[in-house]
Amino acid sequence: MTDSMMVDGFLVTDEKDASRYTLTRDGVLVSALDYRDDGKTMALTRAFTIPTYRGNGYAAKVVAGAIADIESRGDRKVEPVCWYVAEWFAQNPGHEGLLRRG
């Protein structure tokens, strides 16, 4: 089962069976964000953009979509394992309440 939302003309999908969020446009995979979910915390482990699409901010879109989804659920904290996700939180301090502490 998957859950999807639109973000700036892209489709962000939570592929629960694969433990990843994907960013697609017109059915083409552009970027992905892998995670581990223990039921309380989602560890965001790796943001990846297909090499031909790099440099366009697509990783930020998939992270933003994932964060919006996690916030809307309201039952998980986030552990930014991936350096890119940690940097995203530093640049978007309004979401710091979602971070797992200690």
PDB file of N, CA and C in Angstrom:
ATOM      1  N   MET A   1       0.846  -1.182   0.000  1.00  0.00           N
ATOM      2  CA  MET A   1       0.000   0.000   0.000  1.00  0.00           C
ATOM      3  C   MET A   1       0.890   1.244   0.000  1.00  0.00           C
ATOM      4  N   THR A   2       0.489   2.244  -0.738  1.00  0.00           N
ATOM      5  CA  THR A   2       1.245   3.488  -0.790  1.00  0.00           C
ATOM      6  C   THR A   2       0.328   4.668  -0.509  1.00  0.00           C
ATOM      7  N   ASP A   3       0.908   5.727   0.016  1.00  0.00           N
ATOM      8  CA  ASP A   3       0.214   6.993   0.227  1.00  0.00           C
ATOM      9  C   ASP A   3       0.968   8.037  -0.563  1.00  0.00           C
ATOM     10  N   SER A   4       0.221   8.935  -1.249  1.00  0.00           N
ATOM     11  CA  SER A   4       0.870   9.930  -2.104  1.00  0.00           C
ATOM     12  C   SER A   4       0.304  11.313  -1.868  1.00  0.00           C
ATOM     13  N   MET A   5       1.123  12.332  -2.223  1.00  0.00           N
ATOM     14  CA  MET A   5       0.687  13.728  -2.182  1.00  0.00           C
ATOM     15  C   MET A   5       1.446  14.486  -3.257  1.00  0.00           C
ATOM     16  N   MET A   6       0.884  15.573  -3.707  1.00  0.00           N
ATOM     17  CA  MET A   6       1.548  16.421  -4.690  1.00  0.00           C
ATOM     18  C   MET A   6       2.357  17.504  -3.970  1.00  0.00           C
ATOM     19  N   VAL A   7       3.590  17.730  -4.451  1.00  0.00           N
ATOM     20  CA  VAL A   7       4.469  18.778  -3.939  1.00  0.00           C
ATOM     21  C   VAL A   7       5.070  19.484  -5.141  1.00  0.00           C
ATOM     22  N   ASP A   8       4.650  20.719  -5.388  1.00  0.00           N
ATOM     23  CA  ASP A   8       5.196  21.524  -6.491  1.00  0.00           C
ATOM     24  C   ASP A   8       5.159  20.796  -7.840  1.00  0.00           C
ATOM     25  N   GLY A   9       4.069  20.107  -8.128  1.00  0.00           N
ATOM     26  CA  GLY A   9       3.925  19.422  -9.410  1.00  0.00           C
ATOM     27  C   GLY A   9       4.560  18.047  -9.468  1.00  0.00           C
ATOM     28  N   PHE A  10       5.129  17.590  -8.358  1.00  0.00           N
ATOM     29  CA  PHE A  10       5.729  16.260  -8.274  1.00  0.00           C
ATOM     30  C   PHE A  10       4.872  15.398  -7.357  1.00  0.00           C
ATOM     31  N   LEU A  11       4.914  14.106  -7.573  1.00  0.00           N
ATOM     32  CA  LEU A  11       4.193  13.172  -6.724  1.00  0.00           C
ATOM     33  C   LEU A  11       5.170  12.590  -5.713  1.00  0.00           C
ATOM     34  N   VAL A  12       4.878  12.780  -4.419  1.00  0.00           N
ATOM     35  CA  VAL A  12       5.668  12.178  -3.341  1.00  0.00           C
ATOM     36  C   VAL A  12       4.854  11.001  -2.826  1.00  0.00           C
ATOM     37  N   THR A  13       5.479   9.823  -2.832  1.00  0.00           N
ATOM     38  CA  THR A  13       4.792   8.601  -2.435  1.00  0.00           C
ATOM     39  C   THR A  13       5.554   7.907  -1.320  1.00  0.00           C
ATOM     40  N   ASP A  14       4.838   7.516  -0.279  1.00  0.00           N
ATOM     41  CA  ASP A  14       5.423   6.707   0.786  1.00  0.00           C
ATOM     42  C   ASP A  14       5.252   5.252   0.375  1.00  0.00           C
ATOM     43  N   GLU A  15       6.326   4.650  -0.065  1.00  0.00           N
ATOM     44  CA  GLU A  15       6.311   3.238  -0.437  1.00  0.00           C
ATOM     45  C   GLU A  15       6.690   2.434   0.798  1.00  0.00           C
ATOM     46  N   LYS A  16       5.694   2.166   1.638  1.00  0.00           N
ATOM     47  CA  LYS A  16       5.926   1.533   2.930  1.00  0.00           C
ATOM     48  C   LYS A  16       6.640   0.190   2.805  1.00  0.00           C
ATOM     49  N   ASP A  17       6.274  -0.595   1.821  1.00  0.00           N
ATOM     50  CA  ASP A  17       6.896  -1.911   1.646  1.00  0.00           C
ATOM     51  C   ASP A  17       8.386  -1.807   1.334  1.00  0.00           C
ATOM     52  N   ALA A  18       8.809  -0.706   0.733  1.00  0.00           N
ATOM     53  CA  ALA A  18      10.220  -0.489   0.394  1.00  0.00           C
ATOM     54  C   ALA A  18      10.921   0.426   1.403  1.00  0.00           C
ATOM     55  N   SER A  19      10.174   0.932   2.387  1.00  0.00           N
ATOM     56  CA  SER A  19      10.702   1.875   3.393  1.00  0.00           C
ATOM     57  C   SER A  19      11.385   3.062   2.729  1.00  0.00           C
ATOM     58  N   ARG A  20      10.652   3.699   1.820  1.00  0.00           N
ATOM     59  CA  ARG A  20      11.201   4.882   1.170  1.00  0.00           C
ATOM     60  C   ARG A  20      10.081   5.777   0.655  1.00  0.00           C
ATOM     61  N   TYR A  21      10.406   7.063   0.599  1.00  0.00           N
ATOM     62  CA  TYR A  21       9.555   8.029  -0.094  1.00  0.00           C
ATOM     63  C   TYR A  21      10.178   8.233  -1.467  1.00  0.00           C
ATOM     64  N   THR A  22       9.334   8.363  -2.478  1.00  0.00           N
ATOM     65  CA  THR A  22       9.842   8.639  -3.817  1.00  0.00           C
ATOM     66  C   THR A  22       9.250   9.944  -4.333  1.00  0.00           C
ATOM     67  N   LEU A  23      10.005  10.597  -5.197  1.00  0.00           N
ATOM     68  CA  LEU A  23       9.570  11.806  -5.883  1.00  0.00           C
ATOM     69  C   LEU A  23       9.554  11.476  -7.365  1.00  0.00           C
ATOM     70  N   THR A  24       8.372  11.584  -7.979  1.00  0.00           N
ATOM     71  CA  THR A  24       8.246  11.284  -9.403  1.00  0.00           C
ATOM     72  C   THR A  24       7.520  12.413 -10.124  1.00  0.00           C
ATOM     73  N   ARG A  25       7.790  12.504 -11.405  1.00  0.00           N
ATOM     74  CA  ARG A  25       7.048  13.416 -12.272  1.00  0.00           C
ATOM     75  C   ARG A  25       6.737  12.644 -13.540  1.00  0.00           C
ATOM     76  N   ASP A  26       5.452  12.620 -13.888  1.00  0.00           N
ATOM     77  CA  ASP A  26       4.991  11.881 -15.069  1.00  0.00           C
ATOM     78  C   ASP A  26       5.460  10.431 -15.039  1.00  0.00           C
ATOM     79  N   GLY A  27       5.452   9.831 -13.851  1.00  0.00           N
ATOM     80  CA  GLY A  27       5.816   8.430 -13.700  1.00  0.00           C
ATOM     81  C   GLY A  27       7.310   8.145 -13.694  1.00  0.00           C
ATOM     82  N   VAL A  28       8.139   9.170 -13.772  1.00  0.00           N
ATOM     83  CA  VAL A  28       9.592   8.993 -13.801  1.00  0.00           C
ATOM     84  C   VAL A  28      10.169   9.277 -12.413  1.00  0.00           C
ATOM     85  N   LEU A  29      10.937   8.323 -11.868  1.00  0.00           N
ATOM     86  CA  LEU A  29      11.580   8.506 -10.581  1.00  0.00           C
ATOM     87  C   LEU A  29      12.667   9.561 -10.695  1.00  0.00           C
ATOM     88  N   VAL A  30      12.622  10.551  -9.801  1.00  0.00           N
ATOM     89  CA  VAL A  30      13.582  11.644  -9.790  1.00  0.00           C
ATOM     90  C   VAL A  30      14.471  11.572  -8.544  1.00  0.00           C
ATOM     91  N   SER A  31      13.860  11.285  -7.381  1.00  0.00           N
ATOM     92  CA  SER A  31      14.602  11.286  -6.126  1.00  0.00           C
ATOM     93  C   SER A  31      13.916  10.323  -5.157  1.00  0.00           C
ATOM     94  N   ALA A  32      14.684   9.868  -4.153  1.00  0.00           N
ATOM     95  CA  ALA A  32      14.136   8.960  -3.143  1.00  0.00           C
ATOM     96  C   ALA A  32      14.730   9.283  -1.780  1.00  0.00           C
ATOM     97  N   LEU A  33      13.993   8.930  -0.742  1.00  0.00           N
ATOM     98  CA  LEU A  33      14.427   9.111   0.641  1.00  0.00           C
ATOM     99  C   LEU A  33      14.132   7.816   1.383  1.00  0.00           C
ATOM    100  N   ASP A  34      15.190   7.109   1.783  1.00  0.00           N
ATOM    101  CA  ASP A  34      15.044   5.853   2.515  1.00  0.00           C
ATOM    102  C   ASP A  34      14.838   6.130   3.995  1.00  0.00           C
ATOM    103  N   TYR A  35      14.109   5.225   4.655  1.00  0.00           N
ATOM    104  CA  TYR A  35      13.885   5.385   6.095  1.00  0.00           C
ATOM    105  C   TYR A  35      13.767   4.034   6.797  1.00  0.00           C
ATOM    106  N   ARG A  36      13.926   4.105   8.125  1.00  0.00           N
ATOM    107  CA  ARG A  36      13.627   2.985   9.018  1.00  0.00           C
ATOM    108  C   ARG A  36      12.582   3.491   9.999  1.00  0.00           C
ATOM    109  N   ASP A  37      11.539   2.712  10.199  1.00  0.00           N
ATOM    110  CA  ASP A  37      10.432   3.117  11.077  1.00  0.00           C
ATOM    111  C   ASP A  37      10.263   2.071  12.171  1.00  0.00           C
ATOM    112  N   ASP A  38      10.467   2.468  13.426  1.00  0.00           N
ATOM    113  CA  ASP A  38      10.312   1.517  14.536  1.00  0.00           C
ATOM    114  C   ASP A  38       8.972   1.687  15.256  1.00  0.00           C
ATOM    115  N   GLY A  39       8.090   2.487  14.686  1.00  0.00           N
ATOM    116  CA  GLY A  39       6.778   2.710  15.292  1.00  0.00           C
ATOM    117  C   GLY A  39       6.703   3.964  16.149  1.00  0.00           C
ATOM    118  N   LYS A  40       7.865   4.507  16.528  1.00  0.00           N
ATOM    119  CA  LYS A  40       7.921   5.747  17.300  1.00  0.00           C
ATOM    120  C   LYS A  40       8.765   6.806  16.603  1.00  0.00           C
ATOM    121  N   THR A  41       9.819   6.335  15.920  1.00  0.00           N
ATOM    122  CA  THR A  41      10.761   7.235  15.266  1.00  0.00           C
ATOM    123  C   THR A  41      11.006   6.773  13.844  1.00  0.00           C
ATOM    124  N   MET A  42      11.044   7.737  12.939  1.00  0.00           N
ATOM    125  CA  MET A  42      11.440   7.434  11.567  1.00  0.00           C
ATOM    126  C   MET A  42      12.857   7.968  11.379  1.00  0.00           C
ATOM    127  N   ALA A  43      13.799   7.057  11.187  1.00  0.00           N
ATOM    128  CA  ALA A  43      15.180   7.433  10.906  1.00  0.00           C
ATOM    129  C   ALA A  43      15.281   7.638   9.399  1.00  0.00           C
ATOM    130  N   LEU A  44      15.521   8.863   8.971  1.00  0.00           N
ATOM    131  CA  LEU A  44      15.651   9.174   7.551  1.00  0.00           C
ATOM    132  C   LEU A  44      17.117   8.962   7.195  1.00  0.00           C
ATOM    133  N   THR A  45      17.387   7.874   6.471  1.00  0.00           N
ATOM    134  CA  THR A  45      18.748   7.362   6.344  1.00  0.00           C
ATOM    135  C   THR A  45      19.503   7.768   5.090  1.00  0.00           C
ATOM    136  N   ARG A  46      18.790   8.044   3.992  1.00  0.00           N
ATOM    137  CA  ARG A  46      19.526   8.380   2.768  1.00  0.00           C
ATOM    138  C   ARG A  46      18.613   9.087   1.781  1.00  0.00           C
ATOM    139  N   ALA A  47      19.026  10.286   1.384  1.00  0.00           N
ATOM    140  CA  ALA A  47      18.353  11.011   0.301  1.00  0.00           C
ATOM    141  C   ALA A  47      19.206  10.812  -0.952  1.00  0.00           C
ATOM    142  N   PHE A  48      18.551  10.504  -2.063  1.00  0.00           N
ATOM    143  CA  PHE A  48      19.266  10.225  -3.299  1.00  0.00           C
ATOM    144  C   PHE A  48      18.496  10.809  -4.473  1.00  0.00           C
ATOM    145  N   THR A  49      19.207  11.472  -5.353  1.00  0.00           N
ATOM    146  CA  THR A  49      18.610  11.981  -6.592  1.00  0.00           C
ATOM    147  C   THR A  49      19.299  11.290  -7.761  1.00  0.00           C
ATOM    148  N   ILE A  50      18.500  10.863  -8.728  1.00  0.00           N
ATOM    149  CA  ILE A  50      19.045  10.245  -9.936  1.00  0.00           C
ATOM    150  C   ILE A  50      20.047  11.226 -10.539  1.00  0.00           C
ATOM    151  N   PRO A  51      21.256  10.768 -10.885  1.00  0.00           N
ATOM    152  CA  PRO A  51      22.320  11.689 -11.323  1.00  0.00           C
ATOM    153  C   PRO A  51      21.920  12.700 -12.402  1.00  0.00           C
ATOM    154  N   THR A  52      21.126  12.306 -13.367  1.00  0.00           N
ATOM    155  CA  THR A  52      20.760  13.246 -14.436  1.00  0.00           C
ATOM    156  C   THR A  52      19.847  14.365 -13.958  1.00  0.00           C
ATOM    157  N   TYR A  53      19.263  14.224 -12.755  1.00  0.00           N
ATOM    158  CA  TYR A  53      18.350  15.238 -12.220  1.00  0.00           C
ATOM    159  C   TYR A  53      18.964  16.056 -11.081  1.00  0.00           C
ATOM    160  N   ARG A  54      20.213  15.783 -10.730  1.00  0.00           N
ATOM    161  CA  ARG A  54      20.849  16.481  -9.610  1.00  0.00           C
ATOM    162  C   ARG A  54      21.015  17.969  -9.888  1.00  0.00           C
ATOM    163  N   GLY A  55      21.039  18.741  -8.806  1.00  0.00           N
ATOM    164  CA  GLY A  55      21.258  20.178  -8.910  1.00  0.00           C
ATOM    165  C   GLY A  55      19.992  20.985  -9.135  1.00  0.00           C
ATOM    166  N   ASN A  56      18.826  20.351  -8.997  1.00  0.00           N
ATOM    167  CA  ASN A  56      17.554  21.031  -9.221  1.00  0.00           C
ATOM    168  C   ASN A  56      16.684  21.138  -7.967  1.00  0.00           C
ATOM    169  N   GLY A  57      17.232  20.741  -6.822  1.00  0.00           N
ATOM    170  CA  GLY A  57      16.477  20.839  -5.579  1.00  0.00           C
ATOM    171  C   GLY A  57      15.477  19.724  -5.351  1.00  0.00           C
ATOM    172  N   TYR A  58      15.602  18.625  -6.079  1.00  0.00           N
ATOM    173  CA  TYR A  58      14.615  17.547  -5.960  1.00  0.00           C
ATOM    174  C   TYR A  58      14.732  16.784  -4.644  1.00  0.00           C
ATOM    175  N   ALA A  59      15.941  16.650  -4.111  1.00  0.00           N
ATOM    176  CA  ALA A  59      16.089  15.994  -2.809  1.00  0.00           C
ATOM    177  C   ALA A  59      15.348  16.799  -1.743  1.00  0.00           C
ATOM    178  N   ALA A  60      15.429  18.116  -1.831  1.00  0.00           N
ATOM    179  CA  ALA A  60      14.706  18.960  -0.872  1.00  0.00           C
ATOM    180  C   ALA A  60      13.201  18.748  -0.991  1.00  0.00           C
ATOM    181  N   LYS A  61      12.710  18.537  -2.202  1.00  0.00           N
ATOM    182  CA  LYS A  61      11.270  18.308  -2.387  1.00  0.00           C
ATOM    183  C   LYS A  61      10.827  16.985  -1.778  1.00  0.00           C
ATOM    184  N   VAL A  62      11.615  15.929  -1.971  1.00  0.00           N
ATOM    185  CA  VAL A  62      11.216  14.642  -1.396  1.00  0.00           C
ATOM    186  C   VAL A  62      11.316  14.686   0.122  1.00  0.00           C
ATOM    187  N   VAL A  63      12.318  15.369   0.672  1.00  0.00           N
ATOM    188  CA  VAL A  63      12.423  15.505   2.130  1.00  0.00           C
ATOM    189  C   VAL A  63      11.246  16.331   2.654  1.00  0.00           C
ATOM    190  N   ALA A  64      10.933  17.441   2.007  1.00  0.00           N
ATOM    191  CA  ALA A  64       9.807  18.282   2.445  1.00  0.00           C
ATOM    192  C   ALA A  64       8.497  17.502   2.415  1.00  0.00           C
ATOM    193  N   GLY A  65       8.296  16.722   1.376  1.00  0.00           N
ATOM    194  CA  GLY A  65       7.082  15.909   1.286  1.00  0.00           C
ATOM    195  C   GLY A  65       7.018  14.868   2.385  1.00  0.00           C
ATOM    196  N   ALA A  66       8.147  14.219   2.665  1.00  0.00           N
ATOM    197  CA  ALA A  66       8.195  13.223   3.736  1.00  0.00           C
ATOM    198  C   ALA A  66       7.914  13.869   5.085  1.00  0.00           C
ATOM    199  N   ILE A  67       8.525  15.011   5.334  1.00  0.00           N
ATOM    200  CA  ILE A  67       8.323  15.705   6.611  1.00  0.00           C
ATOM    201  C   ILE A  67       6.861  16.118   6.757  1.00  0.00           C
ATOM    202  N   ALA A  68       6.261  16.632   5.690  1.00  0.00           N
ATOM    203  CA  ALA A  68       4.835  17.007   5.738  1.00  0.00           C
ATOM    204  C   ALA A  68       3.972  15.795   6.072  1.00  0.00           C
ATOM    205  N   ASP A  69       4.299  14.653   5.471  1.00  0.00           N
ATOM    206  CA  ASP A  69       3.540  13.427   5.726  1.00  0.00           C
ATOM    207  C   ASP A  69       3.709  12.980   7.175  1.00  0.00           C
ATOM    208  N   ILE A  70       4.941  12.965   7.663  1.00  0.00           N
ATOM    209  CA  ILE A  70       5.211  12.535   9.037  1.00  0.00           C
ATOM    210  C   ILE A  70       4.536  13.478  10.033  1.00  0.00           C
ATOM    211  N   GLU A  71       4.606  14.777   9.773  1.00  0.00           N
ATOM    212  CA  GLU A  71       3.937  15.754  10.656  1.00  0.00           C
ATOM    213  C   GLU A  71       2.430  15.545  10.672  1.00  0.00           C
ATOM    214  N   SER A  72       1.858  15.261   9.498  1.00  0.00           N
ATOM    215  CA  SER A  72       0.401  15.097   9.432  1.00  0.00           C
ATOM    216  C   SER A  72      -0.059  13.860  10.190  1.00  0.00           C
ATOM    217  N   ARG A  73       0.768  12.842  10.252  1.00  0.00           N
ATOM    218  CA  ARG A  73       0.424  11.637  11.023  1.00  0.00           C
ATOM    219  C   ARG A  73       0.408  11.935  12.518  1.00  0.00           C
ATOM    220  N   GLY A  74       1.393  12.726  12.967  1.00  0.00           N
ATOM    221  CA  GLY A  74       1.443  13.154  14.354  1.00  0.00           C
ATOM    222  C   GLY A  74       1.847  12.087  15.363  1.00  0.00           C
ATOM    223  N   ASP A  75       2.338  10.937  14.901  1.00  0.00           N
ATOM    224  CA  ASP A  75       2.662   9.863  15.840  1.00  0.00           C
ATOM    225  C   ASP A  75       4.117   9.406  15.776  1.00  0.00           C
ATOM    226  N   ARG A  76       4.976  10.184  15.097  1.00  0.00           N
ATOM    227  CA  ARG A  76       6.379   9.804  14.953  1.00  0.00           C
ATOM    228  C   ARG A  76       7.278  11.017  15.164  1.00  0.00           C
ATOM    229  N   LYS A  77       8.469  10.751  15.652  1.00  0.00           N
ATOM    230  CA  LYS A  77       9.551  11.721  15.666  1.00  0.00           C
ATOM    231  C   LYS A  77      10.496  11.348  14.526  1.00  0.00           C
ATOM    232  N   VAL A  78      11.414  12.239  14.209  1.00  0.00           N
ATOM    233  CA  VAL A  78      12.358  12.011  13.111  1.00  0.00           C
ATOM    234  C   VAL A  78      13.781  12.021  13.652  1.00  0.00           C
ATOM    235  N   GLU A  79      14.566  11.077  13.182  1.00  0.00           N
ATOM    236  CA  GLU A  79      16.006  11.066  13.430  1.00  0.00           C
ATOM    237  C   GLU A  79      16.694  11.273  12.083  1.00  0.00           C
ATOM    238  N   PRO A  80      17.327  12.427  11.876  1.00  0.00           N
ATOM    239  CA  PRO A  80      17.953  12.722  10.586  1.00  0.00           C
ATOM    240  C   PRO A  80      19.336  12.067  10.465  1.00  0.00           C
ATOM    241  N   VAL A  81      19.377  10.790  10.130  1.00  0.00           N
ATOM    242  CA  VAL A  81      20.635  10.056   9.986  1.00  0.00           C
ATOM    243  C   VAL A  81      21.422  10.580   8.780  1.00  0.00           C
ATOM    244  N   CYS A  82      20.745  10.832   7.699  1.00  0.00           N
ATOM    245  CA  CYS A  82      21.372  11.337   6.467  1.00  0.00           C
ATOM    246  C   CYS A  82      21.808  12.794   6.662  1.00  0.00           C
ATOM    247  N   TRP A  83      23.028  13.108   6.251  1.00  0.00           N
ATOM    248  CA  TRP A  83      23.548  14.483   6.398  1.00  0.00           C
ATOM    249  C   TRP A  83      22.650  15.487   5.680  1.00  0.00           C
ATOM    250  N   TYR A  84      22.081  15.099   4.536  1.00  0.00           N
ATOM    251  CA  TYR A  84      21.252  16.023   3.772  1.00  0.00           C
ATOM    252  C   TYR A  84      19.985  16.360   4.551  1.00  0.00           C
ATOM    253  N   VAL A  85      19.402  15.367   5.180  1.00  0.00           N
ATOM    254  CA  VAL A  85      18.186  15.593   5.973  1.00  0.00           C
ATOM    255  C   VAL A  85      18.507  16.484   7.174  1.00  0.00           C
ATOM    256  N   ALA A  86      19.645  16.251   7.827  1.00  0.00           N
ATOM    257  CA  ALA A  86      20.059  17.106   8.948  1.00  0.00           C
ATOM    258  C   ALA A  86      20.226  18.550   8.482  1.00  0.00           C
ATOM    259  N   GLU A  87      20.827  18.723   7.319  1.00  0.00           N
ATOM    260  CA  GLU A  87      20.993  20.067   6.755  1.00  0.00           C
ATOM    261  C   GLU A  87      19.633  20.697   6.432  1.00  0.00           C
ATOM    262  N   TRP A  88      18.693  19.897   5.915  1.00  0.00           N
ATOM    263  CA  TRP A  88      17.348  20.394   5.602  1.00  0.00           C
ATOM    264  C   TRP A  88      16.688  20.939   6.870  1.00  0.00           C
ATOM    265  N   PHE A  89      16.808  20.197   7.982  1.00  0.00           N
ATOM    266  CA  PHE A  89      16.232  20.664   9.248  1.00  0.00           C
ATOM    267  C   PHE A  89      16.902  21.949   9.707  1.00  0.00           C
ATOM    268  N   ALA A  90      18.213  22.063   9.525  1.00  0.00           N
ATOM    269  CA  ALA A  90      18.926  23.288   9.916  1.00  0.00           C
ATOM    270  C   ALA A  90      18.433  24.490   9.113  1.00  0.00           C
ATOM    271  N   GLN A  91      18.049  24.259   7.867  1.00  0.00           N
ATOM    272  CA  GLN A  91      17.567  25.330   7.000  1.00  0.00           C
ATOM    273  C   GLN A  91      16.067  25.579   7.145  1.00  0.00           C
ATOM    274  N   ASN A  92      15.372  24.692   7.841  1.00  0.00           N
ATOM    275  CA  ASN A  92      13.923  24.795   8.038  1.00  0.00           C
ATOM    276  C   ASN A  92      13.601  24.632   9.521  1.00  0.00           C
ATOM    277  N   PRO A  93      14.034  25.590  10.352  1.00  0.00           N
ATOM    278  CA  PRO A  93      13.911  25.429  11.805  1.00  0.00           C
ATOM    279  C   PRO A  93      12.472  25.340  12.315  1.00  0.00           C
ATOM    280  N   GLY A  94      11.512  25.689  11.527  1.00  0.00           N
ATOM    281  CA  GLY A  94      10.118  25.586  11.954  1.00  0.00           C
ATOM    282  C   GLY A  94       9.650  24.159  12.164  1.00  0.00           C
ATOM    283  N   HIS A  95      10.460  23.205  11.743  1.00  0.00           N
ATOM    284  CA  HIS A  95      10.092  21.787  11.873  1.00  0.00           C
ATOM    285  C   HIS A  95      10.886  21.071  12.958  1.00  0.00           C
ATOM    286  N   GLU A  96      11.699  21.805  13.716  1.00  0.00           N
ATOM    287  CA  GLU A  96      12.577  21.166  14.692  1.00  0.00           C
ATOM    288  C   GLU A  96      11.834  20.431  15.792  1.00  0.00           C
ATOM    289  N   GLY A  97      10.584  20.761  16.028  1.00  0.00           N
ATOM    290  CA  GLY A  97       9.784  20.045  17.033  1.00  0.00           C
ATOM    291  C   GLY A  97       9.547  18.594  16.669  1.00  0.00           C
ATOM    292  N   LEU A  98       9.761  18.255  15.424  1.00  0.00           N
ATOM    293  CA  LEU A  98       9.590  16.881  14.958  1.00  0.00           C
ATOM    294  C   LEU A  98      10.802  16.007  15.267  1.00  0.00           C
ATOM    295  N   LEU A  99      11.934  16.629  15.594  1.00  0.00           N
ATOM    296  CA  LEU A  99      13.170  15.879  15.824  1.00  0.00           C
ATOM    297  C   LEU A  99      13.136  15.112  17.135  1.00  0.00           C
ATOM    298  N   ARG A 100      13.671  13.907  17.074  1.00  0.00           N
ATOM    299  CA  ARG A 100      13.797  13.065  18.282  1.00  0.00           C
ATOM    300  C   ARG A 100      14.916  13.658  19.136  1.00  0.00           C
ATOM    301  N   ARG A 101      14.662  13.799  20.390  1.00  0.00           N
ATOM    302  CA  ARG A 101      15.650  14.353  21.324  1.00  0.00           C
ATOM    303  C   ARG A 101      16.221  13.228  22.175  1.00  0.00           C
ATOM    304  N   GLY A 102      17.553  13.208  22.293  1.00  0.00           N
ATOM    305  CA  GLY A 102      18.248  12.269  23.175  1.00  0.00           C
ATOM    306  C   GLY A 102      17.928  10.897  22.897  1.00  0.00           C
TER     307      GLY A 102
END
